[in-house]
Amino acid sequence: MKEYYILLTVRFVAAVALAVILGSGSVVAFNHMPAAWFRDDGKLPEDIDQRQRITSSPWKFVFTGVFGVCGLYMAVRDTLQYELAVIFVLFIVLEMAISDWKYMVVPDQLSFLLAVSAVGFTGMNKQWWDPLAGAAAGGALGLGILLLGHLVYKKDAIGGADIKFLGAMGMVTGPQGILWVFVLTTLVTAVHGLWLVAFRKVSLKEHKPMMPYAFVGSAIYLVILWDILEEFPI
């Protein structure tokens, strides 16, 4: 029992240290990404070369808090491998979310890193082909939404970067997981949208970037609900 509490204390300390590093690192990494990564249709965002794309305060503290809560929660209930793999995934998705929120552009390099991060879950998949099946499911889901948008609304209902995210995240979560990530992302989007309409008088037709909501949906699934939702196939 004593060894358990010693190990738990070590993991708590490690989780806090990692939260500080990644919380601050999220801001530093985004501010130092090559400007060329943000090129979209041959154009760069107007303020891409500014010294601070996002400010240190309050965001370093906010992101440190997010990683701290996630890390401490997983330190209690998950394996060290799973905790580290999830924290790294959330770091990448957070960078994607910041980029989408700030510039409405998500660098392909981040989508590639997200796909590669699936390696961190090696040995935890039920079947060896789960990452491939997840990528196929995520890509098919994104393309299906795109097609539905053209058929019903005569316009894109999802962006190319969002489709890439679904495919890459599918490699991380597997086919079942990516469906739940999408469901949770949709629910978070809907709740926030209704809040904006009710209290900020914002129109539902106003375009909102998907990735900030996808970060929240991914965090809820990977940190809290992954083992519970596995019992409810969709």
Protein backbone atom coordinates (compact mmCIF):
# COMPACT_ATOMS: atom_id res chain seq x y z
CA MET A 1 0.00 0.00 0.00
CA LYS A 2 2.86 2.35 0.86
CA GLU A 3 4.48 1.74 -2.52
CA TYR A 4 1.18 2.58 -4.22
CA TYR A 5 0.99 6.01 -2.58
CA ILE A 6 4.64 6.71 -3.33
CA LEU A 7 4.08 5.85 -6.99
CA LEU A 8 0.90 7.93 -7.08
CA THR A 9 2.74 10.92 -5.58
CA VAL A 10 5.47 10.58 -8.20
CA ARG A 11 2.86 10.50 -10.95
CA PHE A 12 1.12 13.56 -9.51
CA VAL A 13 4.39 15.49 -9.46
CA ALA A 14 5.18 14.34 -13.00
CA ALA A 15 1.69 15.35 -14.18
CA VAL A 16 2.08 18.84 -12.74
CA ALA A 17 5.57 19.24 -14.23
CA LEU A 18 4.34 18.05 -17.62
CA ALA A 19 1.38 20.44 -17.42
CA VAL A 20 3.68 23.40 -16.83
CA ILE A 21 5.96 22.39 -19.69
CA LEU A 22 3.18 21.73 -22.20
CA GLY A 23 1.00 24.63 -21.03
CA SER A 24 3.80 27.10 -21.67
CA GLY A 25 5.03 25.09 -24.62
CA SER A 26 1.66 25.36 -26.35
CA VAL A 27 2.07 29.12 -26.61
CA VAL A 28 5.76 29.00 -27.48
CA ALA A 29 5.27 26.31 -30.13
CA PHE A 30 2.41 28.17 -31.81
CA ASN A 31 4.29 31.48 -31.83
CA HIS A 32 7.34 29.83 -33.42
CA MET A 33 5.67 27.67 -36.08
CA PRO A 34 6.98 28.45 -39.58
CA ALA A 35 4.74 31.00 -41.28
CA ALA A 36 4.65 28.83 -44.40
CA TRP A 37 2.65 26.21 -42.48
CA PHE A 38 -0.31 28.59 -42.43
CA ARG A 39 -0.45 29.15 -46.18
CA ASP A 40 -3.98 28.58 -47.49
CA ASP A 41 -4.84 28.79 -51.19
CA GLY A 42 -1.48 30.43 -51.78
CA LYS A 43 -2.08 33.16 -49.19
CA LEU A 44 -0.76 33.77 -45.68
CA PRO A 45 -2.75 35.38 -42.85
CA GLU A 46 -2.03 39.11 -42.64
CA ASP A 47 -0.61 39.10 -39.10
CA ILE A 48 1.21 35.77 -39.29
CA ASP A 49 4.66 37.39 -38.86
CA GLN A 50 3.86 39.24 -35.66
CA ARG A 51 6.13 38.43 -32.69
CA GLN A 52 3.33 37.00 -30.57
CA ARG A 53 0.51 35.30 -32.44
CA ILE A 54 -1.07 34.56 -29.07
CA THR A 55 -0.09 36.24 -25.81
CA SER A 56 1.58 34.46 -22.92
CA SER A 57 -0.94 35.85 -20.46
CA PRO A 58 -3.47 34.45 -19.81
CA TRP A 59 -3.04 31.52 -22.19
CA LYS A 60 0.00 29.84 -20.61
CA PHE A 61 -1.90 29.68 -17.34
CA VAL A 62 -5.12 28.49 -18.97
CA PHE A 63 -3.40 25.73 -20.94
CA THR A 64 -1.29 24.70 -17.94
CA GLY A 65 -4.50 24.34 -15.95
CA VAL A 66 -6.12 22.23 -18.67
CA PHE A 67 -3.15 19.87 -18.93
CA GLY A 68 -2.86 19.76 -15.15
CA VAL A 69 -6.47 18.70 -14.61
CA CYS A 70 -6.27 16.09 -17.38
CA GLY A 71 -2.92 14.73 -16.19
CA LEU A 72 -3.89 14.47 -12.52
CA TYR A 73 -7.17 12.77 -13.37
CA MET A 74 -5.46 10.18 -15.57
CA ALA A 75 -2.69 9.64 -13.01
CA VAL A 76 -5.31 8.20 -10.67
CA ARG A 77 -7.12 5.91 -13.09
CA ASP A 78 -5.01 5.14 -16.17
CA THR A 79 -1.64 3.62 -17.02
CA LEU A 80 1.40 5.86 -17.45
CA GLN A 81 1.65 4.94 -21.14
CA TYR A 82 -1.95 5.95 -21.76
CA GLU A 83 -1.57 9.19 -19.82
CA LEU A 84 1.52 10.28 -21.74
CA ALA A 85 0.02 9.27 -25.09
CA VAL A 86 -3.18 11.22 -24.43
CA ILE A 87 -1.38 14.33 -23.17
CA PHE A 88 0.75 14.38 -26.34
CA VAL A 89 -2.35 13.97 -28.52
CA LEU A 90 -4.13 16.79 -26.70
CA PHE A 91 -1.08 19.02 -27.12
CA ILE A 92 -1.24 18.56 -30.89
CA VAL A 93 -5.01 19.02 -31.07
CA LEU A 94 -4.70 22.17 -28.95
CA GLU A 95 -2.24 23.60 -31.48
CA MET A 96 -4.73 22.77 -34.23
CA ALA A 97 -7.53 24.42 -32.25
CA ILE A 98 -5.54 27.61 -31.68
CA SER A 99 -4.67 27.79 -35.38
CA ASP A 100 -8.26 27.25 -36.49
CA TRP A 101 -9.57 29.79 -33.97
CA LYS A 102 -6.92 32.40 -34.85
CA TYR A 103 -6.54 32.01 -38.61
CA MET A 104 -9.22 29.57 -39.81
CA VAL A 105 -6.31 27.46 -41.07
CA VAL A 106 -5.01 24.15 -39.71
CA PRO A 107 -1.49 23.23 -40.91
CA ASP A 108 -1.22 19.84 -42.60
CA GLN A 109 1.92 19.23 -40.56
CA LEU A 110 -0.16 19.11 -37.38
CA SER A 111 -2.58 16.61 -38.92
CA PHE A 112 0.43 14.45 -39.81
CA LEU A 113 1.81 14.69 -36.27
CA LEU A 114 -1.59 13.72 -34.89
CA ALA A 115 -1.65 10.62 -37.08
CA VAL A 116 1.90 9.71 -36.00
CA SER A 117 0.93 10.14 -32.33
CA ALA A 118 -1.18 6.98 -32.67
CA VAL A 119 2.12 5.11 -32.18
CA GLY A 120 1.90 6.07 -28.51
CA PHE A 121 -1.09 3.76 -28.11
CA THR A 122 0.78 0.70 -29.41
CA GLY A 123 -0.31 -2.38 -27.49
CA MET A 124 -3.53 -0.79 -26.28
CA ASN A 125 -5.64 -1.42 -29.38
CA LYS A 126 -8.06 -4.35 -29.35
CA GLN A 127 -7.00 -5.29 -32.89
CA TRP A 128 -3.82 -4.43 -34.76
CA TRP A 129 -5.84 -2.90 -37.58
CA ASP A 130 -7.80 -0.50 -35.36
CA PRO A 131 -5.70 2.56 -36.35
CA LEU A 132 -6.26 1.85 -40.05
CA ALA A 133 -9.95 1.18 -39.54
CA GLY A 134 -10.23 4.34 -37.45
CA ALA A 135 -8.55 6.44 -40.13
CA ALA A 136 -10.92 5.01 -42.74
CA ALA A 137 -13.94 5.60 -40.51
CA GLY A 138 -12.90 9.17 -39.73
CA GLY A 139 -12.18 9.98 -43.36
CA ALA A 140 -15.45 8.42 -44.50
CA LEU A 141 -17.35 10.35 -41.82
CA GLY A 142 -15.83 13.63 -42.94
CA LEU A 143 -16.46 12.98 -46.62
CA GLY A 144 -20.02 11.91 -45.82
CA ILE A 145 -20.66 15.21 -44.04
CA LEU A 146 -19.13 17.08 -46.97
CA LEU A 147 -21.39 15.27 -49.44
CA LEU A 148 -24.46 15.80 -47.26
CA GLY A 149 -23.71 19.50 -47.04
CA HIS A 150 -23.58 19.80 -50.82
CA LEU A 151 -26.79 17.83 -51.26
CA VAL A 152 -28.81 19.66 -48.59
CA TYR A 153 -27.25 23.12 -48.24
CA LYS A 154 -25.44 23.41 -51.58
CA LYS A 155 -22.21 24.32 -49.77
CA ASP A 156 -19.36 22.82 -47.75
CA ALA A 157 -20.57 21.68 -44.34
CA ILE A 158 -17.04 20.74 -43.26
CA GLY A 159 -13.58 21.92 -44.22
CA GLY A 160 -10.73 19.91 -45.64
CA ALA A 161 -8.69 20.37 -42.45
CA ASP A 162 -11.58 19.00 -40.40
CA ILE A 163 -11.73 15.90 -42.59
CA LYS A 164 -7.99 15.40 -42.12
CA PHE A 165 -8.45 15.76 -38.37
CA LEU A 166 -11.16 13.08 -38.31
CA GLY A 167 -8.93 10.71 -40.27
CA ALA A 168 -5.87 11.38 -38.09
CA MET A 169 -7.82 11.19 -34.84
CA GLY A 170 -9.37 7.96 -36.09
CA MET A 171 -5.88 6.45 -36.10
CA VAL A 172 -5.59 7.40 -32.43
CA THR A 173 -9.02 6.28 -31.21
CA GLY A 174 -9.98 3.51 -33.63
CA PRO A 175 -13.29 3.31 -35.53
CA GLN A 176 -15.51 3.27 -32.45
CA GLY A 177 -13.66 6.08 -30.75
CA ILE A 178 -13.71 8.52 -33.66
CA LEU A 179 -17.49 8.24 -33.87
CA TRP A 180 -17.76 9.14 -30.19
CA VAL A 181 -15.29 12.00 -30.59
CA PHE A 182 -17.47 13.35 -33.40
CA VAL A 183 -20.65 12.97 -31.33
CA LEU A 184 -19.08 14.75 -28.35
CA THR A 185 -17.68 17.49 -30.59
CA THR A 186 -21.12 18.02 -32.10
CA LEU A 187 -22.74 18.19 -28.65
CA VAL A 188 -20.18 20.71 -27.38
CA THR A 189 -20.68 22.80 -30.53
CA ALA A 190 -24.46 22.73 -30.11
CA VAL A 191 -24.37 23.68 -26.43
CA HIS A 192 -21.98 26.57 -27.04
CA GLY A 193 -23.97 27.68 -30.07
CA LEU A 194 -27.19 27.82 -28.06
CA TRP A 195 -25.40 29.74 -25.31
CA LEU A 196 -24.13 32.29 -27.85
CA VAL A 197 -27.62 32.71 -29.30
CA ALA A 198 -29.24 33.09 -25.88
CA PHE A 199 -26.72 35.38 -24.18
CA ARG A 200 -24.59 36.94 -26.94
CA LYS A 201 -27.30 37.30 -29.59
CA VAL A 202 -25.08 35.60 -32.16
CA SER A 203 -26.71 34.06 -35.22
CA LEU A 204 -26.51 30.29 -35.62
CA LYS A 205 -25.59 30.91 -39.26
CA GLU A 206 -22.33 32.57 -38.24
CA HIS A 207 -19.41 30.30 -39.13
CA LYS A 208 -17.45 28.93 -36.20
CA PRO A 209 -14.20 26.95 -36.46
CA MET A 210 -14.59 23.29 -35.58
CA MET A 211 -11.23 22.54 -33.98
CA PRO A 212 -11.73 24.33 -30.63
CA TYR A 213 -14.84 22.20 -30.11
CA ALA A 214 -12.97 19.12 -31.36
CA PHE A 215 -10.32 19.72 -28.70
CA VAL A 216 -12.96 19.71 -25.97
CA GLY A 217 -14.71 16.67 -27.44
CA SER A 218 -11.42 14.79 -27.79
CA ALA A 219 -10.40 15.63 -24.21
CA ILE A 220 -13.74 14.49 -22.80
CA TYR A 221 -13.49 11.19 -24.67
CA LEU A 222 -9.82 10.39 -24.14
CA VAL A 223 -9.53 11.56 -20.54
CA ILE A 224 -12.92 10.70 -19.04
CA LEU A 225 -15.23 8.57 -21.13
CA TRP A 226 -13.20 6.27 -23.38
CA ASP A 227 -13.58 3.14 -21.24
CA ILE A 228 -17.25 3.84 -20.48
CA LEU A 229 -18.29 4.53 -24.07
CA GLU A 230 -16.57 1.36 -25.29
CA GLU A 231 -19.56 -0.45 -23.78
CA PHE A 232 -21.96 1.50 -26.01
CA PRO A 233 -21.09 0.76 -29.65
CA ILE A 234 -22.47 3.10 -32.31
